[in-house]
Amino acid sequence: MSAEPLHKTLWQGNQALAEECLAHPFVRGLGDGTLDPEVFKHYVAQDAFFLRAFFSAYALGAVRAVEKREVVQRLHGLMRGVLDELKLHEGYAETLAIDLGKVRPHPAARAYTDFLLRTAWTAEVGEIMAAMTPCMRLYAYLGQELALRDHSQNPYREWIDTYSSAEFEALAAELESLLDQLAEGTHSVSLAYRYAMRCELDFFSASLA
């Protein structure tokens, strides 16, 4: 019997954190539509700040993998996915009157982006993938779980539809595939994955602060 792929081992090892995120008041508010619009506005601004760093981490990963053309091409595809997410946030910003050029990151967002960029500058590409995968897999998981209930009248249905979509699932699976290809189950890889999951939970909590 073959061993589980690394992405499954890491996800299963952090399942409790994923479930804690799903049960978080912020995510529950998105799911049932009761989240305070001002809280969502704050979240969108912070998430746009985060996504710019996430894009940069992909770019730095591509630089580190420059001798592996196939990997670089796949990372470019994932970078396009981030740009699509940023377009979504720009639409929110226009509707909610958010100036994305003047976002001041809260400490949880800054801690997360500092971790991602530090990893992207200093670690091997496999560890970079480990630091980035939790964001994509967690959001696909949350979106798909929230989409199980009727959200046709939910004011946050666009968020749920985006992260429950087949397109986003494909992006998450692509990143997991790169993680399996480029990383080994080392202590540093496991730590990077778990720290990113913890950062996701802290990010949701900070949005309610």
N, C-alpha and C. Protein backbone atom coordinates (compact mmCIF):
# COMPACT_ATOMS: atom_id res chain seq x y z
N MET A 1 0.85 -1.19 0.00
CA MET A 1 0.00 0.00 0.00
C MET A 1 0.89 1.25 0.00
N SER A 2 0.59 2.16 -0.90
CA SER A 2 1.41 3.37 -0.99
C SER A 2 1.06 4.32 0.15
N ALA A 3 2.06 5.11 0.52
CA ALA A 3 1.86 6.10 1.58
C ALA A 3 0.95 7.22 1.09
N GLU A 4 0.29 7.88 2.03
CA GLU A 4 -0.55 9.03 1.68
C GLU A 4 0.34 10.12 1.08
N PRO A 5 -0.15 10.87 0.10
CA PRO A 5 0.61 12.02 -0.40
C PRO A 5 0.81 13.04 0.71
N LEU A 6 1.86 13.81 0.60
CA LEU A 6 2.21 14.74 1.66
C LEU A 6 1.08 15.72 1.97
N HIS A 7 0.42 16.23 0.94
CA HIS A 7 -0.62 17.23 1.19
C HIS A 7 -1.75 16.66 2.05
N LYS A 8 -2.07 15.38 1.87
CA LYS A 8 -3.12 14.77 2.69
C LYS A 8 -2.65 14.57 4.12
N THR A 9 -1.41 14.14 4.27
CA THR A 9 -0.85 13.93 5.61
C THR A 9 -0.86 15.24 6.40
N LEU A 10 -0.45 16.33 5.74
CA LEU A 10 -0.40 17.62 6.43
C LEU A 10 -1.80 18.14 6.74
N TRP A 11 -2.72 17.99 5.80
CA TRP A 11 -4.08 18.45 6.04
C TRP A 11 -4.72 17.65 7.18
N GLN A 12 -4.58 16.35 7.15
CA GLN A 12 -5.16 15.53 8.21
C GLN A 12 -4.54 15.86 9.57
N GLY A 13 -3.25 16.16 9.58
CA GLY A 13 -2.59 16.50 10.83
C GLY A 13 -3.03 17.84 11.40
N ASN A 14 -3.67 18.65 10.56
CA ASN A 14 -4.13 19.97 10.99
C ASN A 14 -5.65 20.11 10.87
N GLN A 15 -6.33 18.97 10.79
CA GLN A 15 -7.79 18.99 10.61
C GLN A 15 -8.50 19.72 11.74
N ALA A 16 -7.98 19.59 12.94
CA ALA A 16 -8.63 20.26 14.08
C ALA A 16 -8.60 21.77 13.91
N LEU A 17 -7.50 22.31 13.38
CA LEU A 17 -7.43 23.75 13.14
C LEU A 17 -8.40 24.16 12.04
N ALA A 18 -8.51 23.34 11.00
CA ALA A 18 -9.47 23.64 9.92
C ALA A 18 -10.89 23.68 10.46
N GLU A 19 -11.22 22.72 11.30
CA GLU A 19 -12.57 22.68 11.88
C GLU A 19 -12.79 23.86 12.83
N GLU A 20 -11.73 24.28 13.51
CA GLU A 20 -11.85 25.46 14.37
C GLU A 20 -12.14 26.70 13.53
N CYS A 21 -11.51 26.77 12.36
CA CYS A 21 -11.80 27.89 11.46
C CYS A 21 -13.25 27.84 10.99
N LEU A 22 -13.73 26.67 10.62
CA LEU A 22 -15.11 26.52 10.15
C LEU A 22 -16.11 26.94 11.22
N ALA A 23 -15.77 26.65 12.48
CA ALA A 23 -16.67 26.98 13.59
C ALA A 23 -16.46 28.40 14.10
N HIS A 24 -15.52 29.12 13.53
CA HIS A 24 -15.20 30.47 14.02
C HIS A 24 -16.40 31.40 13.80
N PRO A 25 -16.68 32.30 14.74
CA PRO A 25 -17.82 33.22 14.57
C PRO A 25 -17.76 34.03 13.27
N PHE A 26 -16.58 34.39 12.82
CA PHE A 26 -16.47 35.12 11.56
C PHE A 26 -16.98 34.27 10.40
N VAL A 27 -16.51 33.03 10.33
CA VAL A 27 -16.91 32.15 9.22
C VAL A 27 -18.38 31.77 9.35
N ARG A 28 -18.85 31.53 10.57
CA ARG A 28 -20.27 31.25 10.76
C ARG A 28 -21.12 32.43 10.29
N GLY A 29 -20.65 33.64 10.55
CA GLY A 29 -21.38 34.83 10.11
C GLY A 29 -21.45 34.95 8.61
N LEU A 30 -20.35 34.57 7.93
CA LEU A 30 -20.38 34.53 6.47
C LEU A 30 -21.40 33.50 5.99
N GLY A 31 -21.39 32.34 6.66
CA GLY A 31 -22.23 31.24 6.21
C GLY A 31 -23.71 31.49 6.35
N ASP A 32 -24.10 32.17 7.44
CA ASP A 32 -25.54 32.41 7.63
C ASP A 32 -25.96 33.84 7.28
N GLY A 33 -24.99 34.64 6.82
CA GLY A 33 -25.31 35.98 6.35
C GLY A 33 -25.46 37.02 7.43
N THR A 34 -25.12 36.67 8.67
CA THR A 34 -25.32 37.61 9.78
C THR A 34 -24.09 38.43 10.11
N LEU A 35 -23.00 38.23 9.39
CA LEU A 35 -21.76 38.96 9.68
C LEU A 35 -22.00 40.46 9.49
N ASP A 36 -21.56 41.24 10.45
CA ASP A 36 -21.68 42.69 10.40
C ASP A 36 -20.98 43.21 9.13
N PRO A 37 -21.67 43.98 8.28
CA PRO A 37 -21.04 44.49 7.06
C PRO A 37 -19.76 45.27 7.32
N GLU A 38 -19.66 45.97 8.45
CA GLU A 38 -18.44 46.70 8.76
C GLU A 38 -17.28 45.75 9.05
N VAL A 39 -17.59 44.62 9.64
CA VAL A 39 -16.57 43.60 9.88
C VAL A 39 -16.08 43.04 8.55
N PHE A 40 -17.03 42.78 7.64
CA PHE A 40 -16.64 42.26 6.32
C PHE A 40 -15.80 43.28 5.57
N LYS A 41 -16.16 44.55 5.67
CA LYS A 41 -15.39 45.61 5.02
C LYS A 41 -13.96 45.61 5.53
N HIS A 42 -13.79 45.50 6.83
CA HIS A 42 -12.46 45.45 7.43
C HIS A 42 -11.69 44.23 6.94
N TYR A 43 -12.37 43.11 6.88
CA TYR A 43 -11.75 41.87 6.41
C TYR A 43 -11.28 42.00 4.96
N VAL A 44 -12.10 42.55 4.10
CA VAL A 44 -11.74 42.69 2.68
C VAL A 44 -10.47 43.51 2.53
N ALA A 45 -10.37 44.60 3.26
CA ALA A 45 -9.18 45.44 3.18
C ALA A 45 -7.94 44.67 3.62
N GLN A 46 -8.06 43.95 4.73
CA GLN A 46 -6.92 43.18 5.23
C GLN A 46 -6.57 42.03 4.30
N ASP A 47 -7.57 41.39 3.72
CA ASP A 47 -7.32 40.25 2.84
C ASP A 47 -6.66 40.71 1.54
N ALA A 48 -7.02 41.88 1.05
CA ALA A 48 -6.36 42.41 -0.15
C ALA A 48 -4.89 42.66 0.13
N PHE A 49 -4.58 43.20 1.31
CA PHE A 49 -3.19 43.38 1.71
C PHE A 49 -2.47 42.02 1.73
N PHE A 50 -3.12 41.03 2.31
CA PHE A 50 -2.53 39.70 2.38
C PHE A 50 -2.29 39.13 0.98
N LEU A 51 -3.26 39.26 0.08
CA LEU A 51 -3.15 38.64 -1.24
C LEU A 51 -1.99 39.22 -2.05
N ARG A 52 -1.67 40.47 -1.84
CA ARG A 52 -0.51 41.03 -2.54
C ARG A 52 0.77 40.33 -2.10
N ALA A 53 0.88 40.06 -0.80
CA ALA A 53 2.05 39.32 -0.31
C ALA A 53 2.02 37.88 -0.80
N PHE A 54 0.85 37.29 -0.87
CA PHE A 54 0.71 35.92 -1.34
C PHE A 54 1.18 35.82 -2.80
N PHE A 55 0.80 36.80 -3.60
CA PHE A 55 1.25 36.86 -4.99
C PHE A 55 2.78 36.95 -5.05
N SER A 56 3.34 37.80 -4.20
CA SER A 56 4.80 37.96 -4.18
C SER A 56 5.50 36.67 -3.79
N ALA A 57 4.91 35.92 -2.86
CA ALA A 57 5.50 34.65 -2.45
C ALA A 57 5.51 33.66 -3.61
N TYR A 58 4.44 33.62 -4.39
CA TYR A 58 4.44 32.79 -5.59
C TYR A 58 5.57 33.21 -6.53
N ALA A 59 5.70 34.52 -6.73
CA ALA A 59 6.72 35.03 -7.65
C ALA A 59 8.12 34.64 -7.18
N LEU A 60 8.36 34.76 -5.89
CA LEU A 60 9.67 34.38 -5.35
C LEU A 60 9.88 32.87 -5.46
N GLY A 61 8.82 32.10 -5.29
CA GLY A 61 8.93 30.66 -5.49
C GLY A 61 9.30 30.34 -6.93
N ALA A 62 8.73 31.07 -7.87
CA ALA A 62 9.06 30.86 -9.28
C ALA A 62 10.53 31.17 -9.55
N VAL A 63 11.04 32.21 -8.92
CA VAL A 63 12.46 32.54 -9.07
C VAL A 63 13.33 31.39 -8.55
N ARG A 64 12.96 30.83 -7.42
CA ARG A 64 13.75 29.75 -6.84
C ARG A 64 13.66 28.47 -7.68
N ALA A 65 12.60 28.35 -8.46
CA ALA A 65 12.40 27.16 -9.29
C ALA A 65 12.73 27.44 -10.75
N VAL A 66 13.50 28.49 -11.02
CA VAL A 66 13.67 28.97 -12.40
C VAL A 66 14.26 27.91 -13.33
N GLU A 67 14.99 26.95 -12.80
CA GLU A 67 15.57 25.91 -13.65
C GLU A 67 14.57 24.78 -13.94
N LYS A 68 13.40 24.86 -13.33
CA LYS A 68 12.35 23.87 -13.57
C LYS A 68 11.20 24.56 -14.29
N ARG A 69 11.29 24.59 -15.61
CA ARG A 69 10.35 25.38 -16.40
C ARG A 69 8.90 24.98 -16.16
N GLU A 70 8.64 23.68 -16.05
CA GLU A 70 7.26 23.22 -15.83
C GLU A 70 6.71 23.76 -14.51
N VAL A 71 7.54 23.78 -13.48
CA VAL A 71 7.11 24.30 -12.18
C VAL A 71 6.82 25.79 -12.29
N VAL A 72 7.70 26.52 -12.96
CA VAL A 72 7.50 27.97 -13.11
C VAL A 72 6.19 28.26 -13.85
N GLN A 73 5.91 27.50 -14.89
CA GLN A 73 4.67 27.70 -15.64
C GLN A 73 3.45 27.45 -14.75
N ARG A 74 3.52 26.43 -13.92
CA ARG A 74 2.40 26.13 -13.03
C ARG A 74 2.23 27.21 -11.97
N LEU A 75 3.34 27.72 -11.47
CA LEU A 75 3.26 28.82 -10.50
C LEU A 75 2.67 30.07 -11.14
N HIS A 76 2.98 30.32 -12.39
CA HIS A 76 2.40 31.46 -13.08
C HIS A 76 0.88 31.31 -13.17
N GLY A 77 0.41 30.09 -13.40
CA GLY A 77 -1.03 29.86 -13.42
C GLY A 77 -1.67 30.16 -12.07
N LEU A 78 -0.99 29.79 -11.00
CA LEU A 78 -1.50 30.08 -9.66
C LEU A 78 -1.46 31.58 -9.38
N MET A 79 -0.47 32.26 -9.91
CA MET A 79 -0.40 33.71 -9.75
C MET A 79 -1.59 34.38 -10.43
N ARG A 80 -2.00 33.86 -11.58
CA ARG A 80 -3.19 34.41 -12.25
C ARG A 80 -4.43 34.22 -11.37
N GLY A 81 -4.48 33.11 -10.64
CA GLY A 81 -5.59 32.90 -9.73
C GLY A 81 -5.65 33.95 -8.64
N VAL A 82 -4.48 34.36 -8.12
CA VAL A 82 -4.43 35.42 -7.11
C VAL A 82 -4.91 36.74 -7.71
N LEU A 83 -4.51 37.02 -8.94
CA LEU A 83 -4.96 38.25 -9.58
C LEU A 83 -6.48 38.26 -9.74
N ASP A 84 -7.06 37.10 -10.02
CA ASP A 84 -8.53 37.02 -10.11
C ASP A 84 -9.16 37.30 -8.75
N GLU A 85 -8.55 36.79 -7.68
CA GLU A 85 -9.06 37.08 -6.33
C GLU A 85 -8.97 38.57 -6.02
N LEU A 86 -7.88 39.17 -6.44
CA LEU A 86 -7.72 40.61 -6.19
C LEU A 86 -8.77 41.42 -6.95
N LYS A 87 -9.15 40.96 -8.14
CA LYS A 87 -10.22 41.63 -8.88
C LYS A 87 -11.53 41.57 -8.09
N LEU A 88 -11.78 40.41 -7.47
CA LEU A 88 -12.97 40.27 -6.63
C LEU A 88 -12.93 41.28 -5.49
N HIS A 89 -11.77 41.41 -4.85
CA HIS A 89 -11.64 42.34 -3.75
C HIS A 89 -11.75 43.79 -4.21
N GLU A 90 -11.27 44.07 -5.41
CA GLU A 90 -11.41 45.42 -5.95
C GLU A 90 -12.88 45.74 -6.19
N GLY A 91 -13.65 44.73 -6.59
CA GLY A 91 -15.09 44.94 -6.75
C GLY A 91 -15.76 45.21 -5.41
N TYR A 92 -15.37 44.44 -4.39
CA TYR A 92 -15.87 44.71 -3.04
C TYR A 92 -15.48 46.12 -2.60
N ALA A 93 -14.24 46.49 -2.88
CA ALA A 93 -13.75 47.80 -2.43
C ALA A 93 -14.55 48.93 -3.04
N GLU A 94 -14.90 48.78 -4.32
CA GLU A 94 -15.69 49.82 -4.97
C GLU A 94 -17.07 49.91 -4.35
N THR A 95 -17.68 48.75 -4.09
CA THR A 95 -19.02 48.72 -3.51
C THR A 95 -19.02 49.24 -2.08
N LEU A 96 -17.97 48.89 -1.33
CA LEU A 96 -17.93 49.21 0.10
C LEU A 96 -17.14 50.48 0.42
N ALA A 97 -16.68 51.17 -0.62
CA ALA A 97 -15.92 52.43 -0.45
C ALA A 97 -14.66 52.21 0.39
N ILE A 98 -13.86 51.20 -0.01
CA ILE A 98 -12.59 50.92 0.65
C ILE A 98 -11.46 51.44 -0.23
N ASP A 99 -10.57 52.21 0.35
CA ASP A 99 -9.37 52.65 -0.37
C ASP A 99 -8.27 51.63 -0.10
N LEU A 100 -8.07 50.70 -1.04
CA LEU A 100 -7.10 49.63 -0.83
C LEU A 100 -5.66 50.14 -0.79
N GLY A 101 -5.45 51.35 -1.27
CA GLY A 101 -4.11 51.93 -1.21
C GLY A 101 -3.75 52.47 0.15
N LYS A 102 -4.72 52.52 1.06
CA LYS A 102 -4.46 53.09 2.39
C LYS A 102 -4.73 52.09 3.51
N VAL A 103 -4.62 50.82 3.19
CA VAL A 103 -4.89 49.79 4.20
C VAL A 103 -3.72 49.72 5.18
N ARG A 104 -4.06 49.77 6.45
CA ARG A 104 -3.05 49.57 7.50
C ARG A 104 -3.24 48.17 8.06
N PRO A 105 -2.31 47.28 7.83
CA PRO A 105 -2.51 45.89 8.24
C PRO A 105 -2.57 45.73 9.75
N HIS A 106 -3.49 44.89 10.21
CA HIS A 106 -3.52 44.59 11.63
C HIS A 106 -2.39 43.60 11.95
N PRO A 107 -2.02 43.46 13.21
CA PRO A 107 -0.87 42.62 13.55
C PRO A 107 -0.97 41.19 13.04
N ALA A 108 -2.17 40.61 13.02
CA ALA A 108 -2.30 39.23 12.54
C ALA A 108 -2.00 39.14 11.05
N ALA A 109 -2.46 40.12 10.28
CA ALA A 109 -2.17 40.14 8.85
C ALA A 109 -0.68 40.34 8.61
N ARG A 110 -0.08 41.25 9.35
CA ARG A 110 1.35 41.52 9.20
C ARG A 110 2.18 40.29 9.60
N ALA A 111 1.79 39.61 10.67
CA ALA A 111 2.53 38.42 11.07
C ALA A 111 2.47 37.35 9.98
N TYR A 112 1.30 37.20 9.36
CA TYR A 112 1.13 36.19 8.31
C TYR A 112 1.96 36.55 7.09
N THR A 113 1.85 37.79 6.63
CA THR A 113 2.59 38.17 5.42
C THR A 113 4.10 38.18 5.67
N ASP A 114 4.52 38.59 6.86
CA ASP A 114 5.95 38.55 7.17
C ASP A 114 6.47 37.12 7.12
N PHE A 115 5.69 36.20 7.66
CA PHE A 115 6.06 34.78 7.63
C PHE A 115 6.17 34.28 6.18
N LEU A 116 5.15 34.58 5.36
CA LEU A 116 5.17 34.11 3.98
C LEU A 116 6.37 34.66 3.21
N LEU A 117 6.62 35.95 3.35
CA LEU A 117 7.70 36.56 2.58
C LEU A 117 9.07 36.14 3.11
N ARG A 118 9.18 35.99 4.42
CA ARG A 118 10.45 35.50 4.98
C ARG A 118 10.74 34.09 4.47
N THR A 119 9.71 33.25 4.45
CA THR A 119 9.86 31.89 3.93
C THR A 119 10.23 31.92 2.45
N ALA A 120 9.54 32.77 1.69
CA ALA A 120 9.78 32.84 0.25
C ALA A 120 11.19 33.33 -0.08
N TRP A 121 11.74 34.20 0.77
CA TRP A 121 13.09 34.73 0.54
C TRP A 121 14.18 33.76 0.99
N THR A 122 13.89 32.93 1.98
CA THR A 122 14.97 32.18 2.62
C THR A 122 14.89 30.67 2.48
N ALA A 123 13.71 30.13 2.20
CA ALA A 123 13.53 28.67 2.22
C ALA A 123 13.59 28.08 0.81
N GLU A 124 13.69 26.77 0.78
CA GLU A 124 13.61 26.06 -0.49
C GLU A 124 12.17 26.09 -0.99
N VAL A 125 12.02 25.85 -2.28
CA VAL A 125 10.70 26.04 -2.90
C VAL A 125 9.65 25.10 -2.30
N GLY A 126 10.04 23.90 -1.89
CA GLY A 126 9.08 22.99 -1.29
C GLY A 126 8.50 23.53 0.01
N GLU A 127 9.34 24.16 0.82
CA GLU A 127 8.86 24.75 2.06
C GLU A 127 7.98 25.96 1.78
N ILE A 128 8.28 26.69 0.72
CA ILE A 128 7.43 27.81 0.32
C ILE A 128 6.03 27.29 -0.01
N MET A 129 5.96 26.20 -0.74
CA MET A 129 4.66 25.61 -1.07
C MET A 129 3.92 25.18 0.21
N ALA A 130 4.66 24.66 1.19
CA ALA A 130 4.04 24.25 2.44
C ALA A 130 3.46 25.44 3.20
N ALA A 131 4.12 26.59 3.10
CA ALA A 131 3.63 27.79 3.78
C ALA A 131 2.40 28.37 3.09
N MET A 132 2.25 28.10 1.79
CA MET A 132 1.17 28.70 1.01
C MET A 132 -0.06 27.80 0.87
N THR A 133 0.15 26.50 0.90
CA THR A 133 -0.96 25.58 0.66
C THR A 133 -2.12 25.72 1.64
N PRO A 134 -1.89 25.92 2.94
CA PRO A 134 -3.03 25.99 3.86
C PRO A 134 -4.06 27.05 3.49
N CYS A 135 -3.62 28.19 3.02
CA CYS A 135 -4.56 29.25 2.64
C CYS A 135 -5.52 28.75 1.56
N MET A 136 -4.97 28.14 0.52
CA MET A 136 -5.80 27.71 -0.60
C MET A 136 -6.71 26.54 -0.21
N ARG A 137 -6.14 25.53 0.46
CA ARG A 137 -6.97 24.38 0.81
C ARG A 137 -8.01 24.74 1.84
N LEU A 138 -7.65 25.58 2.82
CA LEU A 138 -8.62 25.97 3.84
C LEU A 138 -9.78 26.74 3.23
N TYR A 139 -9.51 27.68 2.35
CA TYR A 139 -10.60 28.47 1.76
C TYR A 139 -11.49 27.60 0.88
N ALA A 140 -10.89 26.65 0.15
CA ALA A 140 -11.72 25.72 -0.63
C ALA A 140 -12.61 24.90 0.31
N TYR A 141 -12.04 24.45 1.40
CA TYR A 141 -12.80 23.67 2.39
C TYR A 141 -13.93 24.50 2.98
N LEU A 142 -13.63 25.72 3.39
CA LEU A 142 -14.66 26.57 3.99
C LEU A 142 -15.76 26.89 2.98
N GLY A 143 -15.36 27.26 1.77
CA GLY A 143 -16.35 27.59 0.75
C GLY A 143 -17.27 26.42 0.46
N GLN A 144 -16.68 25.23 0.31
CA GLN A 144 -17.49 24.06 -0.01
C GLN A 144 -18.41 23.68 1.15
N GLU A 145 -17.95 23.82 2.37
CA GLU A 145 -18.80 23.52 3.52
C GLU A 145 -19.95 24.53 3.63
N LEU A 146 -19.65 25.81 3.44
CA LEU A 146 -20.70 26.82 3.55
C LEU A 146 -21.71 26.71 2.41
N ALA A 147 -21.26 26.21 1.26
CA ALA A 147 -22.16 26.10 0.11
C ALA A 147 -23.15 24.95 0.25
N LEU A 148 -23.00 24.12 1.26
CA LEU A 148 -23.92 22.99 1.44
C LEU A 148 -25.32 23.45 1.83
N ARG A 149 -25.42 24.66 2.39
CA ARG A 149 -26.74 25.18 2.76
C ARG A 149 -27.17 26.21 1.71
N ASP A 150 -28.44 26.46 1.64
CA ASP A 150 -28.96 27.45 0.69
C ASP A 150 -28.41 28.83 1.03
N HIS A 151 -27.68 29.41 0.10
CA HIS A 151 -27.12 30.75 0.34
C HIS A 151 -27.54 31.72 -0.76
N SER A 152 -28.63 31.39 -1.43
CA SER A 152 -29.07 32.23 -2.56
C SER A 152 -29.44 33.64 -2.13
N GLN A 153 -29.89 33.80 -0.88
CA GLN A 153 -30.25 35.12 -0.38
C GLN A 153 -29.19 35.68 0.59
N ASN A 154 -28.10 35.00 0.70
CA ASN A 154 -27.04 35.42 1.62
C ASN A 154 -26.29 36.62 1.03
N PRO A 155 -26.11 37.70 1.79
CA PRO A 155 -25.38 38.85 1.25
C PRO A 155 -23.92 38.53 0.92
N TYR A 156 -23.42 37.42 1.44
CA TYR A 156 -22.03 37.02 1.17
C TYR A 156 -21.96 35.84 0.21
N ARG A 157 -22.99 35.68 -0.61
CA ARG A 157 -23.04 34.54 -1.52
C ARG A 157 -21.90 34.59 -2.54
N GLU A 158 -21.45 35.78 -2.95
CA GLU A 158 -20.36 35.85 -3.92
C GLU A 158 -19.08 35.26 -3.32
N TRP A 159 -18.85 35.54 -2.03
CA TRP A 159 -17.68 34.97 -1.36
C TRP A 159 -17.79 33.45 -1.33
N ILE A 160 -18.95 32.95 -0.94
CA ILE A 160 -19.16 31.50 -0.85
C ILE A 160 -19.03 30.86 -2.23
N ASP A 161 -19.62 31.48 -3.24
CA ASP A 161 -19.56 30.93 -4.60
C ASP A 161 -18.12 30.90 -5.11
N THR A 162 -17.35 31.92 -4.80
CA THR A 162 -15.96 31.98 -5.27
C THR A 162 -15.15 30.82 -4.70
N TYR A 163 -15.24 30.63 -3.40
CA TYR A 163 -14.35 29.66 -2.76
C TYR A 163 -14.91 28.24 -2.77
N SER A 164 -16.16 28.08 -3.16
CA SER A 164 -16.72 26.73 -3.34
C SER A 164 -16.67 26.28 -4.79
N SER A 165 -16.16 27.13 -5.67
CA SER A 165 -16.21 26.85 -7.10
C SER A 165 -15.22 25.76 -7.51
N ALA A 166 -15.54 25.12 -8.62
CA ALA A 166 -14.63 24.12 -9.18
C ALA A 166 -13.31 24.76 -9.58
N GLU A 167 -13.36 26.01 -10.01
CA GLU A 167 -12.14 26.71 -10.41
C GLU A 167 -11.20 26.90 -9.23
N PHE A 168 -11.76 27.28 -8.08
CA PHE A 168 -10.89 27.48 -6.91
C PHE A 168 -10.38 26.14 -6.39
N GLU A 169 -11.22 25.12 -6.40
CA GLU A 169 -10.77 23.78 -6.01
C GLU A 169 -9.60 23.33 -6.88
N ALA A 170 -9.67 23.63 -8.17
CA ALA A 170 -8.58 23.23 -9.07
C ALA A 170 -7.28 23.95 -8.71
N LEU A 171 -7.37 25.22 -8.32
CA LEU A 171 -6.18 25.95 -7.91
C LEU A 171 -5.59 25.36 -6.64
N ALA A 172 -6.45 25.04 -5.67
CA ALA A 172 -5.97 24.44 -4.43
C ALA A 172 -5.31 23.09 -4.70
N ALA A 173 -5.92 22.28 -5.56
CA ALA A 173 -5.36 20.97 -5.89
C ALA A 173 -4.04 21.10 -6.63
N GLU A 174 -3.93 22.12 -7.47
CA GLU A 174 -2.67 22.36 -8.20
C GLU A 174 -1.55 22.70 -7.24
N LEU A 175 -1.84 23.54 -6.26
CA LEU A 175 -0.82 23.90 -5.28
C LEU A 175 -0.44 22.67 -4.45
N GLU A 176 -1.42 21.87 -4.07
CA GLU A 176 -1.11 20.64 -3.33
C GLU A 176 -0.25 19.69 -4.16
N SER A 177 -0.50 19.64 -5.46
CA SER A 177 0.30 18.80 -6.33
C SER A 177 1.76 19.28 -6.36
N LEU A 178 1.95 20.59 -6.39
CA LEU A 178 3.31 21.13 -6.36
C LEU A 178 3.97 20.85 -5.01
N LEU A 179 3.20 20.94 -3.94
CA LEU A 179 3.72 20.61 -2.63
C LEU A 179 4.22 19.16 -2.61
N ASP A 180 3.42 18.25 -3.12
CA ASP A 180 3.81 16.84 -3.16
C ASP A 180 5.08 16.64 -4.00
N GLN A 181 5.18 17.37 -5.09
CA GLN A 181 6.31 17.21 -6.00
C GLN A 181 7.60 17.80 -5.45
N LEU A 182 7.49 18.92 -4.75
CA LEU A 182 8.68 19.70 -4.42
C LEU A 182 9.13 19.59 -2.96
N ALA A 183 8.25 19.13 -2.08
CA ALA A 183 8.58 19.11 -0.65
C ALA A 183 8.68 17.68 -0.13
N GLU A 184 9.37 17.54 0.96
CA GLU A 184 9.44 16.29 1.69
C GLU A 184 8.84 16.51 3.07
N GLY A 185 8.49 15.44 3.73
CA GLY A 185 7.83 15.56 5.03
C GLY A 185 8.78 15.86 6.16
N THR A 186 9.53 16.92 6.01
CA THR A 186 10.50 17.31 7.02
C THR A 186 9.83 18.09 8.15
N HIS A 187 10.56 18.25 9.24
CA HIS A 187 10.04 19.01 10.37
C HIS A 187 9.75 20.45 9.96
N SER A 188 10.65 21.06 9.18
CA SER A 188 10.45 22.46 8.79
C SER A 188 9.24 22.63 7.88
N VAL A 189 9.00 21.66 7.01
CA VAL A 189 7.83 21.71 6.14
C VAL A 189 6.55 21.59 6.97
N SER A 190 6.54 20.66 7.91
CA SER A 190 5.37 20.50 8.78
C SER A 190 5.12 21.74 9.62
N LEU A 191 6.18 22.34 10.13
CA LEU A 191 6.04 23.55 10.93
C LEU A 191 5.49 24.70 10.10
N ALA A 192 5.98 24.85 8.86
CA ALA A 192 5.51 25.93 7.99
C ALA A 192 4.02 25.78 7.71
N TYR A 193 3.59 24.56 7.42
CA TYR A 193 2.19 24.30 7.13
C TYR A 193 1.32 24.62 8.35
N ARG A 194 1.74 24.13 9.51
CA ARG A 194 0.94 24.34 10.71
C ARG A 194 0.89 25.81 11.11
N TYR A 195 2.02 26.50 10.98
CA TYR A 195 2.03 27.92 11.35
C TYR A 195 1.09 28.71 10.44
N ALA A 196 1.07 28.38 9.16
CA ALA A 196 0.16 29.06 8.24
C ALA A 196 -1.30 28.81 8.62
N MET A 197 -1.61 27.60 9.02
CA MET A 197 -2.98 27.30 9.46
C MET A 197 -3.34 28.12 10.70
N ARG A 198 -2.40 28.23 11.62
CA ARG A 198 -2.65 29.03 12.81
C ARG A 198 -2.83 30.50 12.43
N CYS A 199 -2.06 30.97 11.46
CA CYS A 199 -2.21 32.36 11.00
C CYS A 199 -3.59 32.60 10.41
N GLU A 200 -4.13 31.60 9.72
CA GLU A 200 -5.48 31.75 9.16
C GLU A 200 -6.50 31.95 10.27
N LEU A 201 -6.40 31.15 11.31
CA LEU A 201 -7.33 31.28 12.43
C LEU A 201 -7.18 32.64 13.10
N ASP A 202 -5.94 33.07 13.31
CA ASP A 202 -5.69 34.38 13.92
C ASP A 202 -6.24 35.51 13.04
N PHE A 203 -6.15 35.35 11.73
CA PHE A 203 -6.65 36.36 10.79
C PHE A 203 -8.17 36.53 10.96
N PHE A 204 -8.90 35.43 11.07
CA PHE A 204 -10.34 35.53 11.28
C PHE A 204 -10.66 36.21 12.61
N SER A 205 -9.91 35.85 13.63
CA SER A 205 -10.15 36.46 14.96
C SER A 205 -9.88 37.96 14.92
N ALA A 206 -8.82 38.36 14.23
CA ALA A 206 -8.47 39.79 14.17
C ALA A 206 -9.54 40.57 13.42
N SER A 207 -10.21 39.91 12.47
CA SER A 207 -11.27 40.61 11.74
C SER A 207 -12.43 41.01 12.63
N LEU A 208 -12.61 40.30 13.73
CA LEU A 208 -13.70 40.61 14.66
C LEU A 208 -13.28 41.54 15.77
N ALA A 209 -11.99 41.81 15.88
CA ALA A 209 -11.47 42.62 17.00
C ALA A 209 -11.88 44.09 16.86
